[in-house]
């Protein structure tokens, strides 16, 4: 089975890596653990999105784009 990736999914994996890097450089133990926990949450989110895309429950980028307001709608 080929894994499909959308921009948001790649972004989620990158966020996990960012928090892992923060954990590696943190000097306060509590903060280091908090960063590791956040990274684990992002990895879990990314795996769940991959699974949902793989099963056809969501359609990758289209599922995410449908939640964004179009530029013609604007934000109030």
N, C-alpha and C. Protein backbone atom coordinates (compact mmCIF):
# COMPACT_ATOMS: atom_id res chain seq x y z
N UNK A 1 0.83 -1.18 0.00
CA UNK A 1 0.00 0.00 0.00
C UNK A 1 0.88 1.25 0.00
N UNK A 2 0.63 2.12 -0.94
CA UNK A 2 1.42 3.36 -1.04
C UNK A 2 0.83 4.41 -0.10
N UNK A 3 1.70 5.05 0.67
CA UNK A 3 1.24 6.09 1.58
C UNK A 3 1.16 7.41 0.87
N UNK A 4 0.02 8.05 1.02
CA UNK A 4 -0.19 9.37 0.42
C UNK A 4 0.13 10.42 1.46
N UNK A 5 0.73 11.51 1.05
CA UNK A 5 1.05 12.60 1.98
C UNK A 5 0.53 13.91 1.40
N UNK A 6 -0.06 14.70 2.25
CA UNK A 6 -0.50 16.03 1.86
C UNK A 6 0.39 17.04 2.56
N UNK A 7 0.27 18.28 2.18
CA UNK A 7 1.11 19.32 2.77
C UNK A 7 0.92 19.42 4.28
N UNK A 8 -0.29 19.29 4.74
CA UNK A 8 -0.54 19.37 6.19
C UNK A 8 0.08 18.20 6.92
N UNK A 9 0.10 17.04 6.29
CA UNK A 9 0.70 15.87 6.92
C UNK A 9 2.20 16.04 7.05
N UNK A 10 2.84 16.51 6.01
CA UNK A 10 4.28 16.77 6.06
C UNK A 10 4.57 17.83 7.11
N UNK A 11 3.73 18.84 7.18
CA UNK A 11 3.90 19.90 8.17
C UNK A 11 3.78 19.34 9.59
N UNK A 12 2.90 18.37 9.79
CA UNK A 12 2.73 17.77 11.11
C UNK A 12 3.99 17.01 11.51
N UNK A 13 4.57 16.25 10.57
CA UNK A 13 5.82 15.55 10.87
C UNK A 13 6.95 16.54 11.16
N UNK A 14 6.97 17.67 10.45
CA UNK A 14 8.00 18.68 10.69
C UNK A 14 7.84 19.31 12.08
N UNK A 15 6.58 19.54 12.49
CA UNK A 15 6.34 20.10 13.83
C UNK A 15 6.86 19.14 14.90
N UNK A 16 6.64 17.84 14.70
CA UNK A 16 7.15 16.85 15.66
C UNK A 16 8.66 16.94 15.74
N UNK A 17 9.32 17.07 14.61
CA UNK A 17 10.78 17.17 14.59
C UNK A 17 11.25 18.46 15.27
N UNK A 18 10.51 19.55 15.07
CA UNK A 18 10.87 20.81 15.72
C UNK A 18 10.82 20.67 17.24
N UNK A 19 9.78 20.03 17.75
CA UNK A 19 9.67 19.88 19.20
C UNK A 19 10.70 18.89 19.75
N UNK A 20 11.07 17.89 18.96
CA UNK A 20 12.15 16.98 19.38
C UNK A 20 13.47 17.76 19.48
N UNK A 21 13.71 18.65 18.52
CA UNK A 21 14.92 19.47 18.55
C UNK A 21 14.91 20.39 19.76
N UNK A 22 13.75 20.98 20.07
CA UNK A 22 13.65 21.82 21.26
C UNK A 22 13.92 21.02 22.53
N UNK A 23 13.41 19.79 22.57
CA UNK A 23 13.64 18.94 23.74
C UNK A 23 15.13 18.63 23.90
N UNK A 24 15.80 18.43 22.78
CA UNK A 24 17.23 18.09 22.83
C UNK A 24 18.07 19.25 23.35
N UNK A 25 17.59 20.48 23.16
CA UNK A 25 18.39 21.64 23.57
C UNK A 25 17.90 22.27 24.87
N UNK A 26 16.75 21.81 25.38
CA UNK A 26 16.21 22.40 26.62
C UNK A 26 17.11 22.06 27.80
N UNK A 27 17.29 23.03 28.68
CA UNK A 27 18.14 22.83 29.85
C UNK A 27 17.33 22.55 31.11
N UNK A 28 16.02 22.78 31.05
CA UNK A 28 15.13 22.53 32.18
C UNK A 28 14.43 21.19 31.94
N UNK A 29 14.55 20.27 32.91
CA UNK A 29 13.99 18.93 32.74
C UNK A 29 12.49 18.92 32.45
N UNK A 30 11.74 19.74 33.16
CA UNK A 30 10.28 19.78 32.96
C UNK A 30 9.95 20.25 31.55
N UNK A 31 10.66 21.26 31.09
CA UNK A 31 10.43 21.78 29.74
C UNK A 31 10.83 20.74 28.68
N UNK A 32 11.94 20.06 28.92
CA UNK A 32 12.40 19.02 28.00
C UNK A 32 11.33 17.94 27.84
N UNK A 33 10.76 17.50 28.95
CA UNK A 33 9.72 16.48 28.90
C UNK A 33 8.46 17.00 28.21
N UNK A 34 8.10 18.24 28.49
CA UNK A 34 6.92 18.84 27.84
C UNK A 34 7.11 18.86 26.33
N UNK A 35 8.29 19.26 25.84
CA UNK A 35 8.56 19.27 24.40
C UNK A 35 8.48 17.86 23.82
N UNK A 36 8.99 16.87 24.54
CA UNK A 36 8.91 15.49 24.06
C UNK A 36 7.46 15.03 23.98
N UNK A 37 6.65 15.41 24.96
CA UNK A 37 5.23 15.04 24.94
C UNK A 37 4.51 15.67 23.75
N UNK A 38 4.81 16.94 23.49
CA UNK A 38 4.18 17.62 22.35
C UNK A 38 4.62 16.97 21.05
N UNK A 39 5.89 16.63 20.93
CA UNK A 39 6.37 15.95 19.72
C UNK A 39 5.65 14.61 19.52
N UNK A 40 5.44 13.89 20.61
CA UNK A 40 4.73 12.61 20.53
C UNK A 40 3.29 12.82 20.06
N UNK A 41 2.66 13.88 20.50
CA UNK A 41 1.29 14.18 20.05
C UNK A 41 1.25 14.47 18.56
N UNK A 42 2.21 15.25 18.06
CA UNK A 42 2.26 15.54 16.63
C UNK A 42 2.52 14.27 15.82
N UNK A 43 3.38 13.37 16.33
CA UNK A 43 3.62 12.12 15.60
C UNK A 43 2.36 11.26 15.56
N UNK A 44 1.63 11.22 16.66
CA UNK A 44 0.38 10.47 16.71
C UNK A 44 -0.63 11.04 15.72
N UNK A 45 -0.75 12.36 15.69
CA UNK A 45 -1.65 13.02 14.76
C UNK A 45 -1.27 12.69 13.31
N UNK A 46 0.01 12.73 13.00
CA UNK A 46 0.46 12.43 11.63
C UNK A 46 0.15 10.99 11.26
N UNK A 47 0.40 10.04 12.18
CA UNK A 47 0.10 8.63 11.89
C UNK A 47 -1.39 8.41 11.66
N UNK A 48 -2.22 9.07 12.47
CA UNK A 48 -3.67 8.92 12.30
C UNK A 48 -4.12 9.50 10.96
N UNK A 49 -3.56 10.65 10.58
CA UNK A 49 -3.91 11.23 9.27
C UNK A 49 -3.49 10.29 8.15
N UNK A 50 -2.29 9.72 8.24
CA UNK A 50 -1.84 8.78 7.22
C UNK A 50 -2.80 7.60 7.11
N UNK A 51 -3.22 7.08 8.26
CA UNK A 51 -4.13 5.95 8.27
C UNK A 51 -5.47 6.33 7.64
N UNK A 52 -6.02 7.49 8.01
CA UNK A 52 -7.29 7.93 7.46
C UNK A 52 -7.21 8.15 5.95
N UNK A 53 -6.11 8.72 5.49
CA UNK A 53 -5.92 8.90 4.05
C UNK A 53 -5.81 7.54 3.36
N UNK A 54 -5.04 6.63 3.97
CA UNK A 54 -4.85 5.30 3.40
C UNK A 54 -6.13 4.49 3.30
N UNK A 55 -7.04 4.68 4.25
CA UNK A 55 -8.30 3.94 4.22
C UNK A 55 -9.36 4.64 3.36
N UNK A 56 -9.06 5.84 2.92
CA UNK A 56 -10.01 6.58 2.10
C UNK A 56 -11.03 7.37 2.92
N UNK A 57 -10.88 7.39 4.23
CA UNK A 57 -11.82 8.12 5.07
C UNK A 57 -11.74 9.63 4.84
N UNK A 58 -10.55 10.11 4.53
CA UNK A 58 -10.37 11.51 4.14
C UNK A 58 -9.53 11.53 2.87
N UNK A 59 -9.57 12.63 2.17
CA UNK A 59 -8.89 12.72 0.87
C UNK A 59 -7.67 13.62 0.89
N UNK A 60 -6.83 13.48 1.85
CA UNK A 60 -5.59 14.25 1.87
C UNK A 60 -5.84 15.74 1.93
N UNK A 61 -5.23 16.46 1.02
CA UNK A 61 -5.27 17.92 1.00
C UNK A 61 -6.69 18.46 0.86
N UNK A 62 -7.55 17.78 0.11
CA UNK A 62 -8.91 18.28 -0.09
C UNK A 62 -9.68 18.35 1.22
N UNK A 63 -9.47 17.39 2.10
CA UNK A 63 -10.18 17.40 3.38
C UNK A 63 -9.76 18.61 4.22
N UNK A 64 -8.53 19.02 4.09
CA UNK A 64 -8.03 20.15 4.86
C UNK A 64 -8.45 21.46 4.19
N UNK A 65 -8.37 21.52 2.86
CA UNK A 65 -8.74 22.73 2.15
C UNK A 65 -10.20 23.10 2.36
N UNK A 66 -11.06 22.11 2.52
CA UNK A 66 -12.48 22.40 2.68
C UNK A 66 -12.77 23.12 3.99
N UNK A 67 -11.84 23.09 4.93
CA UNK A 67 -12.04 23.76 6.21
C UNK A 67 -11.56 25.21 6.20
N UNK A 68 -10.79 25.58 5.21
CA UNK A 68 -10.26 26.94 5.14
C UNK A 68 -11.24 27.86 4.42
N UNK A 69 -11.38 29.09 4.88
CA UNK A 69 -12.23 30.03 4.14
C UNK A 69 -11.53 30.42 2.84
N UNK A 70 -12.30 30.56 1.80
CA UNK A 70 -11.70 30.97 0.53
C UNK A 70 -11.32 32.44 0.61
N UNK A 71 -10.45 32.87 -0.28
CA UNK A 71 -10.00 34.27 -0.25
C UNK A 71 -11.13 35.23 -0.56
N UNK A 72 -12.15 34.78 -1.29
CA UNK A 72 -13.28 35.65 -1.60
C UNK A 72 -14.19 35.86 -0.40
N UNK A 73 -14.17 34.90 0.57
CA UNK A 73 -15.01 35.04 1.76
C UNK A 73 -14.42 36.06 2.72
N UNK A 74 -13.11 36.06 2.84
CA UNK A 74 -12.45 36.99 3.76
C UNK A 74 -12.71 36.62 5.20
N UNK A 75 -12.03 37.27 6.08
CA UNK A 75 -12.20 37.03 7.51
C UNK A 75 -12.77 38.28 8.16
N UNK A 76 -13.75 38.11 9.03
CA UNK A 76 -14.32 39.28 9.69
C UNK A 76 -13.85 39.40 11.10
